[in-house]
Amino acid sequence: MRDASVAGSKVDFSALAVLHKWPSLANQRRPDRDTYQVSEGTLDQCISAFMGKPAATRHLYEIHTTAQPPLVTGVLSPEHVAELSRLREYL
């Protein structure tokens, strides 16, 4: 199990997670459509998969996982995933 701790808050990077993608048109999210699953694994694996996507398309992705308050919400926005990636690398 890979855990990271920041100011007493822990993040379990081995928690189950799913990387989702928004359907898009002209590189813009289609809010009238539902997201679809791209990959499934641990939070660590999904963060790595997300960071492997071109920076120009990352806004189309989000990670769904079990909430780990206060640092991890149930649905992680691209900005949140990038922050968790930096935290993971820092620790």
PDB file of N, CA and C in Angstrom:
ATOM      1  N   MET A   1       0.848  -1.174   0.000  1.00  0.00           N
ATOM      2  CA  MET A   1       0.000   0.000   0.000  1.00  0.00           C
ATOM      3  C   MET A   1       0.896   1.240   0.000  1.00  0.00           C
ATOM      4  N   ARG A   2       0.614   2.161  -0.917  1.00  0.00           N
ATOM      5  CA  ARG A   2       1.391   3.384  -1.016  1.00  0.00           C
ATOM      6  C   ARG A   2       0.589   4.517  -0.403  1.00  0.00           C
ATOM      7  N   ASP A   3       1.044   5.044   0.724  1.00  0.00           N
ATOM      8  CA  ASP A   3       0.385   6.152   1.403  1.00  0.00           C
ATOM      9  C   ASP A   3       1.297   7.364   1.377  1.00  0.00           C
ATOM     10  N   ALA A   4       0.704   8.520   1.356  1.00  0.00           N
ATOM     11  CA  ALA A   4       1.441   9.771   1.471  1.00  0.00           C
ATOM     12  C   ALA A   4       0.758  10.587   2.558  1.00  0.00           C
ATOM     13  N   SER A   5       1.538  11.326   3.310  1.00  0.00           N
ATOM     14  CA  SER A   5       0.998  12.108   4.400  1.00  0.00           C
ATOM     15  C   SER A   5       1.423  13.561   4.260  1.00  0.00           C
ATOM     16  N   VAL A   6       0.465  14.459   4.422  1.00  0.00           N
ATOM     17  CA  VAL A   6       0.734  15.892   4.392  1.00  0.00           C
ATOM     18  C   VAL A   6      -0.001  16.511   5.563  1.00  0.00           C
ATOM     19  N   ALA A   7       0.736  17.133   6.450  1.00  0.00           N
ATOM     20  CA  ALA A   7       0.146  17.819   7.604  1.00  0.00           C
ATOM     21  C   ALA A   7      -0.898  16.956   8.305  1.00  0.00           C
ATOM     22  N   GLY A   8      -0.591  15.682   8.506  1.00  0.00           N
ATOM     23  CA  GLY A   8      -1.484  14.798   9.225  1.00  0.00           C
ATOM     24  C   GLY A   8      -2.583  14.177   8.384  1.00  0.00           C
ATOM     25  N   SER A   9      -2.714  14.585   7.134  1.00  0.00           N
ATOM     26  CA  SER A   9      -3.712  14.008   6.236  1.00  0.00           C
ATOM     27  C   SER A   9      -3.049  12.960   5.370  1.00  0.00           C
ATOM     28  N   LYS A  10      -3.661  11.799   5.274  1.00  0.00           N
ATOM     29  CA  LYS A  10      -3.088  10.714   4.471  1.00  0.00           C
ATOM     30  C   LYS A  10      -3.832  10.559   3.159  1.00  0.00           C
ATOM     31  N   VAL A  11      -3.079  10.161   2.138  1.00  0.00           N
ATOM     32  CA  VAL A  11      -3.662   9.808   0.849  1.00  0.00           C
ATOM     33  C   VAL A  11      -3.235   8.386   0.551  1.00  0.00           C
ATOM     34  N   ASP A  12      -4.206   7.528   0.334  1.00  0.00           N
ATOM     35  CA  ASP A  12      -3.949   6.135  -0.015  1.00  0.00           C
ATOM     36  C   ASP A  12      -3.950   6.032  -1.538  1.00  0.00           C
ATOM     37  N   PHE A  13      -2.755   6.015  -2.129  1.00  0.00           N
ATOM     38  CA  PHE A  13      -2.624   5.942  -3.577  1.00  0.00           C
ATOM     39  C   PHE A  13      -2.929   4.545  -4.117  1.00  0.00           C
ATOM     40  N   SER A  14      -3.132   3.564  -3.227  1.00  0.00           N
ATOM     41  CA  SER A  14      -3.491   2.218  -3.672  1.00  0.00           C
ATOM     42  C   SER A  14      -5.014   2.018  -3.706  1.00  0.00           C
ATOM     43  N   ALA A  15      -5.768   3.070  -3.371  1.00  0.00           N
ATOM     44  CA  ALA A  15      -7.233   2.990  -3.417  1.00  0.00           C
ATOM     45  C   ALA A  15      -7.696   2.765  -4.855  1.00  0.00           C
ATOM     46  N   LEU A  16      -8.805   2.061  -5.007  1.00  0.00           N
ATOM     47  CA  LEU A  16      -9.360   1.827  -6.337  1.00  0.00           C
ATOM     48  C   LEU A  16      -9.817   3.142  -6.963  1.00  0.00           C
ATOM     49  N   ALA A  17      -9.601   3.261  -8.280  1.00  0.00           N
ATOM     50  CA  ALA A  17      -9.973   4.479  -8.989  1.00  0.00           C
ATOM     51  C   ALA A  17     -10.264   4.145 -10.452  1.00  0.00           C
ATOM     52  N   VAL A  18     -10.976   5.063 -11.105  1.00  0.00           N
ATOM     53  CA  VAL A  18     -11.326   4.900 -12.514  1.00  0.00           C
ATOM     54  C   VAL A  18     -11.077   6.233 -13.223  1.00  0.00           C
ATOM     55  N   LEU A  19     -10.348   6.177 -14.332  1.00  0.00           N
ATOM     56  CA  LEU A  19     -10.110   7.354 -15.151  1.00  0.00           C
ATOM     57  C   LEU A  19     -11.246   7.461 -16.166  1.00  0.00           C
ATOM     58  N   HIS A  20     -11.902   8.618 -16.191  1.00  0.00           N
ATOM     59  CA  HIS A  20     -13.020   8.872 -17.103  1.00  0.00           C
ATOM     60  C   HIS A  20     -12.641   9.983 -18.075  1.00  0.00           C
ATOM     61  N   LYS A  21     -13.268   9.950 -19.248  1.00  0.00           N
ATOM     62  CA  LYS A  21     -13.065  10.994 -20.244  1.00  0.00           C
ATOM     63  C   LYS A  21     -14.423  11.544 -20.665  1.00  0.00           C
ATOM     64  N   TRP A  22     -14.466  12.845 -20.839  1.00  0.00           N
ATOM     65  CA  TRP A  22     -15.652  13.497 -21.368  1.00  0.00           C
ATOM     66  C   TRP A  22     -15.624  13.401 -22.887  1.00  0.00           C
ATOM     67  N   PRO A  23     -16.749  13.053 -23.517  1.00  0.00           N
ATOM     68  CA  PRO A  23     -16.821  13.177 -24.967  1.00  0.00           C
ATOM     69  C   PRO A  23     -16.553  14.645 -25.323  1.00  0.00           C
ATOM     70  N   SER A  24     -15.943  14.871 -26.475  1.00  0.00           N
ATOM     71  CA  SER A  24     -15.586  16.245 -26.819  1.00  0.00           C
ATOM     72  C   SER A  24     -15.888  16.554 -28.279  1.00  0.00           C
ATOM     73  N   LEU A  25     -15.971  17.835 -28.535  1.00  0.00           N
ATOM     74  CA  LEU A  25     -16.116  18.361 -29.879  1.00  0.00           C
ATOM     75  C   LEU A  25     -15.212  19.581 -29.944  1.00  0.00           C
ATOM     76  N   ALA A  26     -14.281  19.577 -30.895  1.00  0.00           N
ATOM     77  CA  ALA A  26     -13.309  20.666 -31.026  1.00  0.00           C
ATOM     78  C   ALA A  26     -12.542  20.875 -29.717  1.00  0.00           C
ATOM     79  N   ASN A  27     -12.175  19.774 -29.072  1.00  0.00           N
ATOM     80  CA  ASN A  27     -11.397  19.773 -27.829  1.00  0.00           C
ATOM     81  C   ASN A  27     -12.125  20.452 -26.659  1.00  0.00           C
ATOM     82  N   GLN A  28     -13.444  20.492 -26.719  1.00  0.00           N
ATOM     83  CA  GLN A  28     -14.263  21.039 -25.638  1.00  0.00           C
ATOM     84  C   GLN A  28     -15.190  19.948 -25.118  1.00  0.00           C
ATOM     85  N   ARG A  29     -15.372  19.930 -23.792  1.00  0.00           N
ATOM     86  CA  ARG A  29     -16.280  18.956 -23.183  1.00  0.00           C
ATOM     87  C   ARG A  29     -17.680  19.082 -23.743  1.00  0.00           C
ATOM     88  N   ARG A  30     -18.324  17.929 -23.882  1.00  0.00           N
ATOM     89  CA  ARG A  30     -19.732  17.890 -24.293  1.00  0.00           C
ATOM     90  C   ARG A  30     -20.553  17.627 -23.029  1.00  0.00           C
ATOM     91  N   PRO A  31     -21.040  18.675 -22.361  1.00  0.00           N
ATOM     92  CA  PRO A  31     -21.787  18.480 -21.114  1.00  0.00           C
ATOM     93  C   PRO A  31     -23.111  17.743 -21.306  1.00  0.00           C
ATOM     94  N   ASP A  32     -23.568  17.627 -22.551  1.00  0.00           N
ATOM     95  CA  ASP A  32     -24.808  16.917 -22.819  1.00  0.00           C
ATOM     96  C   ASP A  32     -24.585  15.410 -22.934  1.00  0.00           C
ATOM     97  N   ARG A  33     -23.343  14.979 -22.761  1.00  0.00           N
ATOM     98  CA  ARG A  33     -22.995  13.561 -22.844  1.00  0.00           C
ATOM     99  C   ARG A  33     -22.389  13.121 -21.511  1.00  0.00           C
ATOM    100  N   ASP A  34     -22.461  11.811 -21.234  1.00  0.00           N
ATOM    101  CA  ASP A  34     -21.862  11.261 -20.018  1.00  0.00           C
ATOM    102  C   ASP A  34     -20.406  10.901 -20.261  1.00  0.00           C
ATOM    103  N   THR A  35     -19.623  10.933 -19.191  1.00  0.00           N
ATOM    104  CA  THR A  35     -18.238  10.494 -19.280  1.00  0.00           C
ATOM    105  C   THR A  35     -18.207   8.994 -19.521  1.00  0.00           C
ATOM    106  N   TYR A  36     -17.078   8.514 -20.033  1.00  0.00           N
ATOM    107  CA  TYR A  36     -16.917   7.076 -20.203  1.00  0.00           C
ATOM    108  C   TYR A  36     -15.574   6.644 -19.617  1.00  0.00           C
ATOM    109  N   GLN A  37     -15.517   5.391 -19.212  1.00  0.00           N
ATOM    110  CA  GLN A  37     -14.337   4.839 -18.549  1.00  0.00           C
ATOM    111  C   GLN A  37     -13.212   4.616 -19.547  1.00  0.00           C
ATOM    112  N   VAL A  38     -12.018   5.080 -19.182  1.00  0.00           N
ATOM    113  CA  VAL A  38     -10.828   4.894 -20.001  1.00  0.00           C
ATOM    114  C   VAL A  38      -9.964   3.783 -19.419  1.00  0.00           C
ATOM    115  N   SER A  39      -9.775   3.821 -18.097  1.00  0.00           N
ATOM    116  CA  SER A  39      -8.998   2.775 -17.431  1.00  0.00           C
ATOM    117  C   SER A  39      -9.415   2.679 -15.970  1.00  0.00           C
ATOM    118  N   GLU A  40      -9.071   1.543 -15.377  1.00  0.00           N
ATOM    119  CA  GLU A  40      -9.419   1.265 -13.986  1.00  0.00           C
ATOM    120  C   GLU A  40      -8.187   0.680 -13.319  1.00  0.00           C
ATOM    121  N   GLY A  41      -7.985   1.032 -12.063  1.00  0.00           N
ATOM    122  CA  GLY A  41      -6.845   0.511 -11.312  1.00  0.00           C
ATOM    123  C   GLY A  41      -6.760   1.219  -9.979  1.00  0.00           C
ATOM    124  N   THR A  42      -5.545   1.481  -9.545  1.00  0.00           N
ATOM    125  CA  THR A  42      -5.344   2.217  -8.299  1.00  0.00           C
ATOM    126  C   THR A  42      -5.329   3.712  -8.602  1.00  0.00           C
ATOM    127  N   LEU A  43      -5.466   4.501  -7.561  1.00  0.00           N
ATOM    128  CA  LEU A  43      -5.366   5.953  -7.717  1.00  0.00           C
ATOM    129  C   LEU A  43      -4.011   6.305  -8.323  1.00  0.00           C
ATOM    130  N   ASP A  44      -2.968   5.649  -7.877  1.00  0.00           N
ATOM    131  CA  ASP A  44      -1.621   5.874  -8.405  1.00  0.00           C
ATOM    132  C   ASP A  44      -1.572   5.602  -9.908  1.00  0.00           C
ATOM    133  N   GLN A  45      -2.134   4.483 -10.343  1.00  0.00           N
ATOM    134  CA  GLN A  45      -2.136   4.127 -11.767  1.00  0.00           C
ATOM    135  C   GLN A  45      -2.964   5.112 -12.582  1.00  0.00           C
ATOM    136  N   CYS A  46      -4.103   5.523 -12.052  1.00  0.00           N
ATOM    137  CA  CYS A  46      -4.952   6.468 -12.778  1.00  0.00           C
ATOM    138  C   CYS A  46      -4.299   7.846 -12.878  1.00  0.00           C
ATOM    139  N   ILE A  47      -3.604   8.272 -11.838  1.00  0.00           N
ATOM    140  CA  ILE A  47      -2.874   9.542 -11.897  1.00  0.00           C
ATOM    141  C   ILE A  47      -1.791   9.449 -12.968  1.00  0.00           C
ATOM    142  N   SER A  48      -1.063   8.322 -13.006  1.00  0.00           N
ATOM    143  CA  SER A  48      -0.022   8.138 -14.023  1.00  0.00           C
ATOM    144  C   SER A  48      -0.614   8.148 -15.428  1.00  0.00           C
ATOM    145  N   ALA A  49      -1.752   7.469 -15.615  1.00  0.00           N
ATOM    146  CA  ALA A  49      -2.406   7.443 -16.925  1.00  0.00           C
ATOM    147  C   ALA A  49      -2.846   8.850 -17.325  1.00  0.00           C
ATOM    148  N   PHE A  50      -3.399   9.587 -16.372  1.00  0.00           N
ATOM    149  CA  PHE A  50      -3.833  10.963 -16.627  1.00  0.00           C
ATOM    150  C   PHE A  50      -2.636  11.831 -17.026  1.00  0.00           C
ATOM    151  N   MET A  51      -1.551  11.742 -16.274  1.00  0.00           N
ATOM    152  CA  MET A  51      -0.378  12.574 -16.548  1.00  0.00           C
ATOM    153  C   MET A  51       0.286  12.192 -17.878  1.00  0.00           C
ATOM    154  N   GLY A  52       0.015  10.992 -18.372  1.00  0.00           N
ATOM    155  CA  GLY A  52       0.542  10.557 -19.656  1.00  0.00           C
ATOM    156  C   GLY A  52      -0.233  11.118 -20.844  1.00  0.00           C
ATOM    157  N   LYS A  53      -1.388  11.719 -20.577  1.00  0.00           N
ATOM    158  CA  LYS A  53      -2.189  12.329 -21.641  1.00  0.00           C
ATOM    159  C   LYS A  53      -1.571  13.670 -22.035  1.00  0.00           C
ATOM    160  N   PRO A  54      -1.729  14.084 -23.288  1.00  0.00           N
ATOM    161  CA  PRO A  54      -1.217  15.400 -23.691  1.00  0.00           C
ATOM    162  C   PRO A  54      -1.820  16.508 -22.821  1.00  0.00           C
ATOM    163  N   ALA A  55      -1.005  17.449 -22.416  1.00  0.00           N
ATOM    164  CA  ALA A  55      -1.468  18.538 -21.542  1.00  0.00           C
ATOM    165  C   ALA A  55      -2.668  19.268 -22.137  1.00  0.00           C
ATOM    166  N   ALA A  56      -2.715  19.396 -23.450  1.00  0.00           N
ATOM    167  CA  ALA A  56      -3.803  20.127 -24.113  1.00  0.00           C
ATOM    168  C   ALA A  56      -5.144  19.403 -24.039  1.00  0.00           C
ATOM    169  N   THR A  57      -5.143  18.112 -23.655  1.00  0.00           N
ATOM    170  CA  THR A  57      -6.409  17.367 -23.583  1.00  0.00           C
ATOM    171  C   THR A  57      -6.762  16.940 -22.161  1.00  0.00           C
ATOM    172  N   ARG A  58      -5.941  17.242 -21.195  1.00  0.00           N
ATOM    173  CA  ARG A  58      -6.199  16.785 -19.814  1.00  0.00           C
ATOM    174  C   ARG A  58      -7.489  17.333 -19.242  1.00  0.00           C
ATOM    175  N   HIS A  59      -7.951  18.470 -19.710  1.00  0.00           N
ATOM    176  CA  HIS A  59      -9.211  19.041 -19.199  1.00  0.00           C
ATOM    177  C   HIS A  59     -10.415  18.163 -19.533  1.00  0.00           C
ATOM    178  N   LEU A  60     -10.230  17.176 -20.399  1.00  0.00           N
ATOM    179  CA  LEU A  60     -11.315  16.279 -20.775  1.00  0.00           C
ATOM    180  C   LEU A  60     -11.419  15.056 -19.858  1.00  0.00           C
ATOM    181  N   TYR A  61     -10.507  14.924 -18.898  1.00  0.00           N
ATOM    182  CA  TYR A  61     -10.441  13.740 -18.041  1.00  0.00           C
ATOM    183  C   TYR A  61     -10.745  14.079 -16.591  1.00  0.00           C
ATOM    184  N   GLU A  62     -11.186  13.070 -15.848  1.00  0.00           N
ATOM    185  CA  GLU A  62     -11.355  13.171 -14.397  1.00  0.00           C
ATOM    186  C   GLU A  62     -11.206  11.779 -13.812  1.00  0.00           C
ATOM    187  N   ILE A  63     -10.862  11.727 -12.548  1.00  0.00           N
ATOM    188  CA  ILE A  63     -10.698  10.443 -11.858  1.00  0.00           C
ATOM    189  C   ILE A  63     -11.793  10.309 -10.814  1.00  0.00           C
ATOM    190  N   HIS A  64     -12.438   9.149 -10.803  1.00  0.00           N
ATOM    191  CA  HIS A  64     -13.457   8.820  -9.806  1.00  0.00           C
ATOM    192  C   HIS A  64     -12.832   7.824  -8.828  1.00  0.00           C
ATOM    193  N   THR A  65     -12.935   8.105  -7.537  1.00  0.00           N
ATOM    194  CA  THR A  65     -12.357   7.249  -6.505  1.00  0.00           C
ATOM    195  C   THR A  65     -13.137   7.446  -5.203  1.00  0.00           C
ATOM    196  N   THR A  66     -12.802   6.684  -4.209  1.00  0.00           N
ATOM    197  CA  THR A  66     -13.405   6.864  -2.895  1.00  0.00           C
ATOM    198  C   THR A  66     -12.816   8.120  -2.256  1.00  0.00           C
ATOM    199  N   ALA A  67     -13.673   8.958  -1.722  1.00  0.00           N
ATOM    200  CA  ALA A  67     -13.210  10.189  -1.077  1.00  0.00           C
ATOM    201  C   ALA A  67     -12.312   9.876   0.113  1.00  0.00           C
ATOM    202  N   GLN A  68     -11.258  10.669   0.246  1.00  0.00           N
ATOM    203  CA  GLN A  68     -10.330  10.575   1.375  1.00  0.00           C
ATOM    204  C   GLN A  68     -10.136  11.997   1.920  1.00  0.00           C
ATOM    205  N   PRO A  69     -11.144  12.505   2.648  1.00  0.00           N
ATOM    206  CA  PRO A  69     -11.060  13.885   3.133  1.00  0.00           C
ATOM    207  C   PRO A  69      -9.822  14.113   3.995  1.00  0.00           C
ATOM    208  N   PRO A  70      -9.248  15.275   3.937  1.00  0.00           N
ATOM    209  CA  PRO A  70      -9.678  16.445   3.177  1.00  0.00           C
ATOM    210  C   PRO A  70      -8.984  16.591   1.815  1.00  0.00           C
ATOM    211  N   LEU A  71      -8.042  15.733   1.487  1.00  0.00           N
ATOM    212  CA  LEU A  71      -7.243  15.934   0.276  1.00  0.00           C
ATOM    213  C   LEU A  71      -7.810  15.320  -0.997  1.00  0.00           C
ATOM    214  N   VAL A  72      -8.627  14.282  -0.877  1.00  0.00           N
ATOM    215  CA  VAL A  72      -9.129  13.589  -2.061  1.00  0.00           C
ATOM    216  C   VAL A  72     -10.658  13.572  -2.038  1.00  0.00           C
ATOM    217  N   THR A  73     -11.256  14.101  -3.103  1.00  0.00           N
ATOM    218  CA  THR A  73     -12.707  14.074  -3.252  1.00  0.00           C
ATOM    219  C   THR A  73     -13.090  12.877  -4.111  1.00  0.00           C
ATOM    220  N   GLY A  74     -14.356  12.582  -4.209  1.00  0.00           N
ATOM    221  CA  GLY A  74     -14.826  11.426  -4.972  1.00  0.00           C
ATOM    222  C   GLY A  74     -14.592  11.548  -6.462  1.00  0.00           C
ATOM    223  N   VAL A  75     -14.664  12.776  -6.979  1.00  0.00           N
ATOM    224  CA  VAL A  75     -14.374  13.038  -8.391  1.00  0.00           C
ATOM    225  C   VAL A  75     -13.278  14.089  -8.431  1.00  0.00           C
ATOM    226  N   LEU A  76     -12.158  13.712  -9.043  1.00  0.00           N
ATOM    227  CA  LEU A  76     -11.000  14.598  -9.080  1.00  0.00           C
ATOM    228  C   LEU A  76     -10.933  15.327 -10.414  1.00  0.00           C
ATOM    229  N   SER A  77     -10.911  16.656 -10.351  1.00  0.00           N
ATOM    230  CA  SER A  77     -10.792  17.476 -11.548  1.00  0.00           C
ATOM    231  C   SER A  77      -9.353  17.399 -12.071  1.00  0.00           C
ATOM    232  N   PRO A  78      -9.126  17.813 -13.303  1.00  0.00           N
ATOM    233  CA  PRO A  78      -7.757  17.810 -13.843  1.00  0.00           C
ATOM    234  C   PRO A  78      -6.771  18.588 -12.970  1.00  0.00           C
ATOM    235  N   GLU A  79      -7.199  19.714 -12.442  1.00  0.00           N
ATOM    236  CA  GLU A  79      -6.317  20.514 -11.580  1.00  0.00           C
ATOM    237  C   GLU A  79      -5.970  19.763 -10.298  1.00  0.00           C
ATOM    238  N   HIS A  80      -6.963  19.083  -9.740  1.00  0.00           N
ATOM    239  CA  HIS A  80      -6.765  18.316  -8.514  1.00  0.00           C
ATOM    240  C   HIS A  80      -5.821  17.138  -8.770  1.00  0.00           C
ATOM    241  N   VAL A  81      -5.993  16.462  -9.910  1.00  0.00           N
ATOM    242  CA  VAL A  81      -5.121  15.338 -10.251  1.00  0.00           C
ATOM    243  C   VAL A  81      -3.679  15.812 -10.391  1.00  0.00           C
ATOM    244  N   ALA A  82      -3.476  16.959 -11.036  1.00  0.00           N
ATOM    245  CA  ALA A  82      -2.129  17.498 -11.204  1.00  0.00           C
ATOM    246  C   ALA A  82      -1.492  17.808  -9.843  1.00  0.00           C
ATOM    247  N   GLU A  83      -2.286  18.353  -8.920  1.00  0.00           N
ATOM    248  CA  GLU A  83      -1.774  18.630  -7.567  1.00  0.00           C
ATOM    249  C   GLU A  83      -1.405  17.339  -6.837  1.00  0.00           C
ATOM    250  N   LEU A  84      -2.258  16.320  -6.939  1.00  0.00           N
ATOM    251  CA  LEU A  84      -1.950  15.035  -6.301  1.00  0.00           C
ATOM    252  C   LEU A  84      -0.713  14.402  -6.923  1.00  0.00           C
ATOM    253  N   SER A  85      -0.520  14.582  -8.210  1.00  0.00           N
ATOM    254  CA  SER A  85       0.673  14.064  -8.874  1.00  0.00           C
ATOM    255  C   SER A  85       1.930  14.720  -8.307  1.00  0.00           C
ATOM    256  N   ARG A  86       1.875  16.034  -8.125  1.00  0.00           N
ATOM    257  CA  ARG A  86       3.021  16.755  -7.546  1.00  0.00           C
ATOM    258  C   ARG A  86       3.266  16.287  -6.108  1.00  0.00           C
ATOM    259  N   LEU A  87       2.193  16.102  -5.343  1.00  0.00           N
ATOM    260  CA  LEU A  87       2.308  15.622  -3.965  1.00  0.00           C
ATOM    261  C   LEU A  87       2.945  14.241  -3.942  1.00  0.00           C
ATOM    262  N   ARG A  88       2.480  13.379  -4.819  1.00  0.00           N
ATOM    263  CA  ARG A  88       2.993  12.006  -4.893  1.00  0.00           C
ATOM    264  C   ARG A  88       4.484  12.019  -5.209  1.00  0.00           C
ATOM    265  N   GLU A  89       4.910  12.863  -6.138  1.00  0.00           N
ATOM    266  CA  GLU A  89       6.328  12.945  -6.508  1.00  0.00           C
ATOM    267  C   GLU A  89       7.165  13.568  -5.395  1.00  0.00           C
ATOM    268  N   TYR A  90       6.575  14.522  -4.688  1.00  0.00           N
ATOM    269  CA  TYR A  90       7.275  15.191  -3.598  1.00  0.00           C
ATOM    270  C   TYR A  90       7.575  14.231  -2.461  1.00  0.00           C
ATOM    271  N   LEU A  91       6.596  13.366  -2.173  1.00  0.00           N
ATOM    272  CA  LEU A  91       6.747  12.429  -1.055  1.00  0.00           C
ATOM    273  C   LEU A  91       7.404  11.155  -1.544  1.00  0.00           C
TER     274      LEU A  91
END
